[in-house]
Amino acid sequence: MADFSIEYSETTGIVGVSSFSIKDTFESLEDGYMVSQICEGFGFLAISNINGECNVLVYDGDVTVWKVFDFSTNTITQ
């Protein structure tokens, strides 16, 4: 079963499909820690707290890279 975040649901307007919150997960992490969390909507594999900034692990071609998640726009940046 696919997991979709509350933030993805808010961005798309799709109701009733969210199963976790990126923000809540991020806020539960100490600096330097990560948790495996797949979000089918945004297409990421994990969430981390890097220097107090929310990062998500995404595929970029054949490699995975950490990119910043912006809560003000609910988008993946950088």
PDB file of N, CA and C in Angstrom:
ATOM      1  N   MET A   1       0.838  -1.180   0.000  1.00  0.00           N
ATOM      2  CA  MET A   1       0.000   0.000   0.000  1.00  0.00           C
ATOM      3  C   MET A   1       0.886   1.248   0.000  1.00  0.00           C
ATOM      4  N   ALA A   2       0.501   2.227  -0.751  1.00  0.00           N
ATOM      5  CA  ALA A   2       1.268   3.462  -0.866  1.00  0.00           C
ATOM      6  C   ALA A   2       1.042   4.358   0.343  1.00  0.00           C
ATOM      7  N   ASP A   3       2.094   5.064   0.732  1.00  0.00           N
ATOM      8  CA  ASP A   3       2.007   6.057   1.805  1.00  0.00           C
ATOM      9  C   ASP A   3       2.070   7.448   1.196  1.00  0.00           C
ATOM     10  N   PHE A   4       1.154   8.296   1.613  1.00  0.00           N
ATOM     11  CA  PHE A   4       1.131   9.681   1.184  1.00  0.00           C
ATOM     12  C   PHE A   4       1.150  10.560   2.427  1.00  0.00           C
ATOM     13  N   SER A   5       1.906  11.642   2.378  1.00  0.00           N
ATOM     14  CA  SER A   5       2.014  12.532   3.534  1.00  0.00           C
ATOM     15  C   SER A   5       0.843  13.506   3.581  1.00  0.00           C
ATOM     16  N   ILE A   6       0.612  14.027   4.770  1.00  0.00           N
ATOM     17  CA  ILE A   6      -0.392  15.075   4.948  1.00  0.00           C
ATOM     18  C   ILE A   6      -0.031  16.273   4.071  1.00  0.00           C
ATOM     19  N   GLU A   7       1.253  16.602   4.004  1.00  0.00           N
ATOM     20  CA  GLU A   7       1.717  17.740   3.207  1.00  0.00           C
ATOM     21  C   GLU A   7       1.417  17.540   1.721  1.00  0.00           C
ATOM     22  N   TYR A   8       1.556  16.305   1.239  1.00  0.00           N
ATOM     23  CA  TYR A   8       1.230  16.012  -0.164  1.00  0.00           C
ATOM     24  C   TYR A   8      -0.277  16.187  -0.394  1.00  0.00           C
ATOM     25  N   SER A   9      -1.073  15.697   0.540  1.00  0.00           N
ATOM     26  CA  SER A   9      -2.531  15.838   0.426  1.00  0.00           C
ATOM     27  C   SER A   9      -2.936  17.306   0.396  1.00  0.00           C
ATOM     28  N   GLU A  10      -2.284  18.128   1.239  1.00  0.00           N
ATOM     29  CA  GLU A  10      -2.585  19.564   1.262  1.00  0.00           C
ATOM     30  C   GLU A  10      -2.210  20.223  -0.055  1.00  0.00           C
ATOM     31  N   THR A  11      -1.099  19.791  -0.645  1.00  0.00           N
ATOM     32  CA  THR A  11      -0.617  20.378  -1.899  1.00  0.00           C
ATOM     33  C   THR A  11      -1.534  20.036  -3.064  1.00  0.00           C
ATOM     34  N   THR A  12      -1.996  18.797  -3.103  1.00  0.00           N
ATOM     35  CA  THR A  12      -2.796  18.338  -4.239  1.00  0.00           C
ATOM     36  C   THR A  12      -4.292  18.514  -4.034  1.00  0.00           C
ATOM     37  N   GLY A  13      -4.707  18.672  -2.783  1.00  0.00           N
ATOM     38  CA  GLY A  13      -6.131  18.778  -2.492  1.00  0.00           C
ATOM     39  C   GLY A  13      -6.822  17.430  -2.410  1.00  0.00           C
ATOM     40  N   ILE A  14      -6.050  16.357  -2.516  1.00  0.00           N
ATOM     41  CA  ILE A  14      -6.614  15.008  -2.396  1.00  0.00           C
ATOM     42  C   ILE A  14      -6.863  14.728  -0.923  1.00  0.00           C
ATOM     43  N   VAL A  15      -8.075  14.373  -0.582  1.00  0.00           N
ATOM     44  CA  VAL A  15      -8.469  14.180   0.813  1.00  0.00           C
ATOM     45  C   VAL A  15      -8.501  12.694   1.154  1.00  0.00           C
ATOM     46  N   GLY A  16      -8.077  12.380   2.369  1.00  0.00           N
ATOM     47  CA  GLY A  16      -8.232  11.028   2.881  1.00  0.00           C
ATOM     48  C   GLY A  16      -7.173  10.021   2.494  1.00  0.00           C
ATOM     49  N   VAL A  17      -6.055  10.462   1.911  1.00  0.00           N
ATOM     50  CA  VAL A  17      -5.023   9.498   1.519  1.00  0.00           C
ATOM     51  C   VAL A  17      -3.764   9.594   2.380  1.00  0.00           C
ATOM     52  N   SER A  18      -3.700  10.565   3.263  1.00  0.00           N
ATOM     53  CA  SER A  18      -2.466  10.762   4.031  1.00  0.00           C
ATOM     54  C   SER A  18      -2.350   9.758   5.173  1.00  0.00           C
ATOM     55  N   SER A  19      -1.107   9.315   5.409  1.00  0.00           N
ATOM     56  CA  SER A  19      -0.878   8.345   6.475  1.00  0.00           C
ATOM     57  C   SER A  19       0.209   8.779   7.453  1.00  0.00           C
ATOM     58  N   PHE A  20       0.885   9.899   7.164  1.00  0.00           N
ATOM     59  CA  PHE A  20       1.906  10.414   8.073  1.00  0.00           C
ATOM     60  C   PHE A  20       2.162  11.884   7.757  1.00  0.00           C
ATOM     61  N   SER A  21       2.851  12.565   8.660  1.00  0.00           N
ATOM     62  CA  SER A  21       3.203  13.966   8.457  1.00  0.00           C
ATOM     63  C   SER A  21       4.719  14.097   8.347  1.00  0.00           C
ATOM     64  N   ILE A  22       5.180  14.732   7.289  1.00  0.00           N
ATOM     65  CA  ILE A  22       6.615  14.978   7.118  1.00  0.00           C
ATOM     66  C   ILE A  22       7.103  15.861   8.263  1.00  0.00           C
ATOM     67  N   LYS A  23       6.334  16.897   8.581  1.00  0.00           N
ATOM     68  CA  LYS A  23       6.735  17.840   9.624  1.00  0.00           C
ATOM     69  C   LYS A  23       6.824  17.152  10.980  1.00  0.00           C
ATOM     70  N   ASP A  24       5.831  16.350  11.338  1.00  0.00           N
ATOM     71  CA  ASP A  24       5.862  15.649  12.617  1.00  0.00           C
ATOM     72  C   ASP A  24       7.049  14.683  12.688  1.00  0.00           C
ATOM     73  N   THR A  25       7.292  13.985  11.594  1.00  0.00           N
ATOM     74  CA  THR A  25       8.423  13.050  11.550  1.00  0.00           C
ATOM     75  C   THR A  25       9.728  13.807  11.700  1.00  0.00           C
ATOM     76  N   PHE A  26       9.888  14.896  10.947  1.00  0.00           N
ATOM     77  CA  PHE A  26      11.098  15.709  11.025  1.00  0.00           C
ATOM     78  C   PHE A  26      11.315  16.240  12.436  1.00  0.00           C
ATOM     79  N   GLU A  27      10.260  16.773  13.044  1.00  0.00           N
ATOM     80  CA  GLU A  27      10.383  17.362  14.380  1.00  0.00           C
ATOM     81  C   GLU A  27      10.702  16.327  15.453  1.00  0.00           C
ATOM     82  N   SER A  28      10.452  15.060  15.178  1.00  0.00           N
ATOM     83  CA  SER A  28      10.772  14.006  16.147  1.00  0.00           C
ATOM     84  C   SER A  28      12.237  13.567  16.065  1.00  0.00           C
ATOM     85  N   LEU A  29      12.943  14.017  15.026  1.00  0.00           N
ATOM     86  CA  LEU A  29      14.329  13.601  14.814  1.00  0.00           C
ATOM     87  C   LEU A  29      15.324  14.551  15.468  1.00  0.00           C
ATOM     88  N   GLU A  30      16.325  13.988  16.122  1.00  0.00           N
ATOM     89  CA  GLU A  30      17.437  14.797  16.612  1.00  0.00           C
ATOM     90  C   GLU A  30      18.317  15.165  15.429  1.00  0.00           C
ATOM     91  N   ASP A  31      19.093  16.222  15.573  1.00  0.00           N
ATOM     92  CA  ASP A  31      19.993  16.662  14.513  1.00  0.00           C
ATOM     93  C   ASP A  31      20.944  15.532  14.134  1.00  0.00           C
ATOM     94  N   GLY A  32      21.064  15.297  12.839  1.00  0.00           N
ATOM     95  CA  GLY A  32      21.960  14.262  12.332  1.00  0.00           C
ATOM     96  C   GLY A  32      21.312  12.898  12.162  1.00  0.00           C
ATOM     97  N   TYR A  33      20.034  12.791  12.508  1.00  0.00           N
ATOM     98  CA  TYR A  33      19.349  11.502  12.398  1.00  0.00           C
ATOM     99  C   TYR A  33      18.406  11.481  11.207  1.00  0.00           C
ATOM    100  N   MET A  34      18.078  10.264  10.765  1.00  0.00           N
ATOM    101  CA  MET A  34      17.149  10.068   9.658  1.00  0.00           C
ATOM    102  C   MET A  34      16.257   8.876   9.959  1.00  0.00           C
ATOM    103  N   VAL A  35      15.143   8.808   9.247  1.00  0.00           N
ATOM    104  CA  VAL A  35      14.231   7.680   9.363  1.00  0.00           C
ATOM    105  C   VAL A  35      13.780   7.299   7.951  1.00  0.00           C
ATOM    106  N   SER A  36      13.712   6.002   7.714  1.00  0.00           N
ATOM    107  CA  SER A  36      13.208   5.520   6.440  1.00  0.00           C
ATOM    108  C   SER A  36      11.704   5.786   6.386  1.00  0.00           C
ATOM    109  N   GLN A  37      11.273   6.548   5.404  1.00  0.00           N
ATOM    110  CA  GLN A  37       9.846   6.861   5.245  1.00  0.00           C
ATOM    111  C   GLN A  37       9.586   7.139   3.776  1.00  0.00           C
ATOM    112  N   ILE A  38       8.880   6.253   3.126  1.00  0.00           N
ATOM    113  CA  ILE A  38       8.577   6.425   1.703  1.00  0.00           C
ATOM    114  C   ILE A  38       7.306   7.252   1.555  1.00  0.00           C
ATOM    115  N   CYS A  39       7.386   8.264   0.699  1.00  0.00           N
ATOM    116  CA  CYS A  39       6.201   9.048   0.340  1.00  0.00           C
ATOM    117  C   CYS A  39       5.988   8.887  -1.160  1.00  0.00           C
ATOM    118  N   GLU A  40       4.958   8.142  -1.512  1.00  0.00           N
ATOM    119  CA  GLU A  40       4.655   7.925  -2.926  1.00  0.00           C
ATOM    120  C   GLU A  40       4.340   9.232  -3.643  1.00  0.00           C
ATOM    121  N   GLY A  41       3.668  10.142  -2.956  1.00  0.00           N
ATOM    122  CA  GLY A  41       3.278  11.408  -3.579  1.00  0.00           C
ATOM    123  C   GLY A  41       4.464  12.251  -4.006  1.00  0.00           C
ATOM    124  N   PHE A  42       5.368  12.533  -3.058  1.00  0.00           N
ATOM    125  CA  PHE A  42       6.547  13.345  -3.367  1.00  0.00           C
ATOM    126  C   PHE A  42       7.677  12.507  -3.951  1.00  0.00           C
ATOM    127  N   GLY A  43       7.612  11.200  -3.784  1.00  0.00           N
ATOM    128  CA  GLY A  43       8.624  10.319  -4.366  1.00  0.00           C
ATOM    129  C   GLY A  43       9.933  10.288  -3.600  1.00  0.00           C
ATOM    130  N   PHE A  44       9.876  10.328  -2.268  1.00  0.00           N
ATOM    131  CA  PHE A  44      11.124  10.233  -1.516  1.00  0.00           C
ATOM    132  C   PHE A  44      11.175   8.967  -0.677  1.00  0.00           C
ATOM    133  N   LEU A  45      12.387   8.669  -0.169  1.00  0.00           N
ATOM    134  CA  LEU A  45      12.653   7.403   0.518  1.00  0.00           C
ATOM    135  C   LEU A  45      12.913   7.551   2.006  1.00  0.00           C
ATOM    136  N   ALA A  46      13.302   8.729   2.459  1.00  0.00           N
ATOM    137  CA  ALA A  46      13.666   8.937   3.862  1.00  0.00           C
ATOM    138  C   ALA A  46      13.569  10.414   4.206  1.00  0.00           C
ATOM    139  N   ILE A  47      13.499  10.681   5.520  1.00  0.00           N
ATOM    140  CA  ILE A  47      13.463  12.048   6.045  1.00  0.00           C
ATOM    141  C   ILE A  47      14.613  12.183   7.029  1.00  0.00           C
ATOM    142  N   SER A  48      15.319  13.316   6.979  1.00  0.00           N
ATOM    143  CA  SER A  48      16.421  13.535   7.922  1.00  0.00           C
ATOM    144  C   SER A  48      16.394  14.952   8.470  1.00  0.00           C
ATOM    145  N   ASN A  49      17.088  15.106   9.595  1.00  0.00           N
ATOM    146  CA  ASN A  49      17.296  16.420  10.206  1.00  0.00           C
ATOM    147  C   ASN A  49      18.784  16.707  10.066  1.00  0.00           C
ATOM    148  N   ILE A  50      19.120  17.570   9.145  1.00  0.00           N
ATOM    149  CA  ILE A  50      20.516  17.930   8.901  1.00  0.00           C
ATOM    150  C   ILE A  50      20.686  19.396   9.268  1.00  0.00           C
ATOM    151  N   ASN A  51      21.369  19.642  10.390  1.00  0.00           N
ATOM    152  CA  ASN A  51      21.584  21.003  10.884  1.00  0.00           C
ATOM    153  C   ASN A  51      20.272  21.766  11.061  1.00  0.00           C
ATOM    154  N   GLY A  52      19.246  21.073  11.558  1.00  0.00           N
ATOM    155  CA  GLY A  52      17.964  21.712  11.817  1.00  0.00           C
ATOM    156  C   GLY A  52      17.106  21.937  10.586  1.00  0.00           C
ATOM    157  N   GLU A  53      17.500  21.374   9.464  1.00  0.00           N
ATOM    158  CA  GLU A  53      16.770  21.543   8.213  1.00  0.00           C
ATOM    159  C   GLU A  53      16.207  20.192   7.773  1.00  0.00           C
ATOM    160  N   CYS A  54      14.966  20.191   7.323  1.00  0.00           N
ATOM    161  CA  CYS A  54      14.336  18.956   6.871  1.00  0.00           C
ATOM    162  C   CYS A  54      14.854  18.605   5.481  1.00  0.00           C
ATOM    163  N   ASN A  55      15.390  17.395   5.362  1.00  0.00           N
ATOM    164  CA  ASN A  55      15.877  16.891   4.082  1.00  0.00           C
ATOM    165  C   ASN A  55      15.183  15.582   3.769  1.00  0.00           C
ATOM    166  N   VAL A  56      14.964  15.330   2.480  1.00  0.00           N
ATOM    167  CA  VAL A  56      14.369  14.074   2.044  1.00  0.00           C
ATOM    168  C   VAL A  56      15.288  13.439   1.004  1.00  0.00           C
ATOM    169  N   LEU A  57      15.316  12.118   1.007  1.00  0.00           N
ATOM    170  CA  LEU A  57      16.191  11.367   0.100  1.00  0.00           C
ATOM    171  C   LEU A  57      15.410  11.010  -1.155  1.00  0.00           C
ATOM    172  N   VAL A  58      15.888  11.502  -2.299  1.00  0.00           N
ATOM    173  CA  VAL A  58      15.201  11.281  -3.574  1.00  0.00           C
ATOM    174  C   VAL A  58      16.162  10.690  -4.597  1.00  0.00           C
ATOM    175  N   TYR A  59      15.599  10.035  -5.596  1.00  0.00           N
ATOM    176  CA  TYR A  59      16.404   9.567  -6.723  1.00  0.00           C
ATOM    177  C   TYR A  59      16.691  10.735  -7.647  1.00  0.00           C
ATOM    178  N   ASP A  60      17.924  10.839  -8.102  1.00  0.00           N
ATOM    179  CA  ASP A  60      18.333  11.825  -9.101  1.00  0.00           C
ATOM    180  C   ASP A  60      19.103  11.053 -10.161  1.00  0.00           C
ATOM    181  N   GLY A  61      18.391  10.577 -11.146  1.00  0.00           N
ATOM    182  CA  GLY A  61      19.006   9.695 -12.131  1.00  0.00           C
ATOM    183  C   GLY A  61      19.260   8.332 -11.497  1.00  0.00           C
ATOM    184  N   ASP A  62      20.522   7.913 -11.502  1.00  0.00           N
ATOM    185  CA  ASP A  62      20.894   6.609 -10.960  1.00  0.00           C
ATOM    186  C   ASP A  62      21.373   6.669  -9.518  1.00  0.00           C
ATOM    187  N   VAL A  63      21.351   7.844  -8.903  1.00  0.00           N
ATOM    188  CA  VAL A  63      21.849   7.990  -7.534  1.00  0.00           C
ATOM    189  C   VAL A  63      20.764   8.593  -6.641  1.00  0.00           C
ATOM    190  N   THR A  64      20.970   8.441  -5.344  1.00  0.00           N
ATOM    191  CA  THR A  64      20.071   9.095  -4.399  1.00  0.00           C
ATOM    192  C   THR A  64      20.789  10.295  -3.805  1.00  0.00           C
ATOM    193  N   VAL A  65      20.042  11.369  -3.585  1.00  0.00           N
ATOM    194  CA  VAL A  65      20.605  12.596  -3.031  1.00  0.00           C
ATOM    195  C   VAL A  65      19.642  13.180  -2.005  1.00  0.00           C
ATOM    196  N   TRP A  66      20.191  13.903  -1.023  1.00  0.00           N
ATOM    197  CA  TRP A  66      19.381  14.613  -0.037  1.00  0.00           C
ATOM    198  C   TRP A  66      18.996  15.969  -0.598  1.00  0.00           C
ATOM    199  N   LYS A  67      17.715  16.289  -0.521  1.00  0.00           N
ATOM    200  CA  LYS A  67      17.219  17.604  -0.934  1.00  0.00           C
ATOM    201  C   LYS A  67      16.374  18.184   0.192  1.00  0.00           C
ATOM    202  N   VAL A  68      16.324  19.499   0.246  1.00  0.00           N
ATOM    203  CA  VAL A  68      15.605  20.203   1.307  1.00  0.00           C
ATOM    204  C   VAL A  68      14.106  20.166   1.041  1.00  0.00           C
ATOM    205  N   PHE A  69      13.326  19.932   2.104  1.00  0.00           N
ATOM    206  CA  PHE A  69      11.871  20.026   2.014  1.00  0.00           C
ATOM    207  C   PHE A  69      11.454  21.350   2.619  1.00  0.00           C
ATOM    208  N   ASP A  70      10.725  22.165   1.861  1.00  0.00           N
ATOM    209  CA  ASP A  70      10.283  23.490   2.289  1.00  0.00           C
ATOM    210  C   ASP A  70       8.830  23.408   2.770  1.00  0.00           C
ATOM    211  N   PHE A  71       8.627  23.577   4.082  1.00  0.00           N
ATOM    212  CA  PHE A  71       7.289  23.480   4.654  1.00  0.00           C
ATOM    213  C   PHE A  71       6.396  24.659   4.282  1.00  0.00           C
ATOM    214  N   SER A  72       6.985  25.800   3.932  1.00  0.00           N
ATOM    215  CA  SER A  72       6.148  26.960   3.586  1.00  0.00           C
ATOM    216  C   SER A  72       5.436  26.770   2.256  1.00  0.00           C
ATOM    217  N   THR A  73       6.013  25.956   1.371  1.00  0.00           N
ATOM    218  CA  THR A  73       5.401  25.709   0.066  1.00  0.00           C
ATOM    219  C   THR A  73       5.075  24.225  -0.165  1.00  0.00           C
ATOM    220  N   ASN A  74       5.452  23.386   0.796  1.00  0.00           N
ATOM    221  CA  ASN A  74       5.307  21.935   0.653  1.00  0.00           C
ATOM    222  C   ASN A  74       5.903  21.434  -0.659  1.00  0.00           C
ATOM    223  N   THR A  75       7.172  21.817  -0.859  1.00  0.00           N
ATOM    224  CA  THR A  75       7.894  21.382  -2.060  1.00  0.00           C
ATOM    225  C   THR A  75       9.304  20.921  -1.696  1.00  0.00           C
ATOM    226  N   ILE A  76       9.878  20.139  -2.585  1.00  0.00           N
ATOM    227  CA  ILE A  76      11.271  19.723  -2.443  1.00  0.00           C
ATOM    228  C   ILE A  76      12.103  20.706  -3.260  1.00  0.00           C
ATOM    229  N   THR A  77      13.111  21.312  -2.622  1.00  0.00           N
ATOM    230  CA  THR A  77      13.923  22.340  -3.280  1.00  0.00           C
ATOM    231  C   THR A  77      15.353  21.853  -3.487  1.00  0.00           C
ATOM    232  N   GLN A  78      16.155  22.696  -4.101  1.00  0.00           N
ATOM    233  CA  GLN A  78      17.569  22.458  -4.400  1.00  0.00           C
ATOM    234  C   GLN A  78      17.675  21.432  -5.474  1.00  0.00           C
TER     235      GLN A  78
END
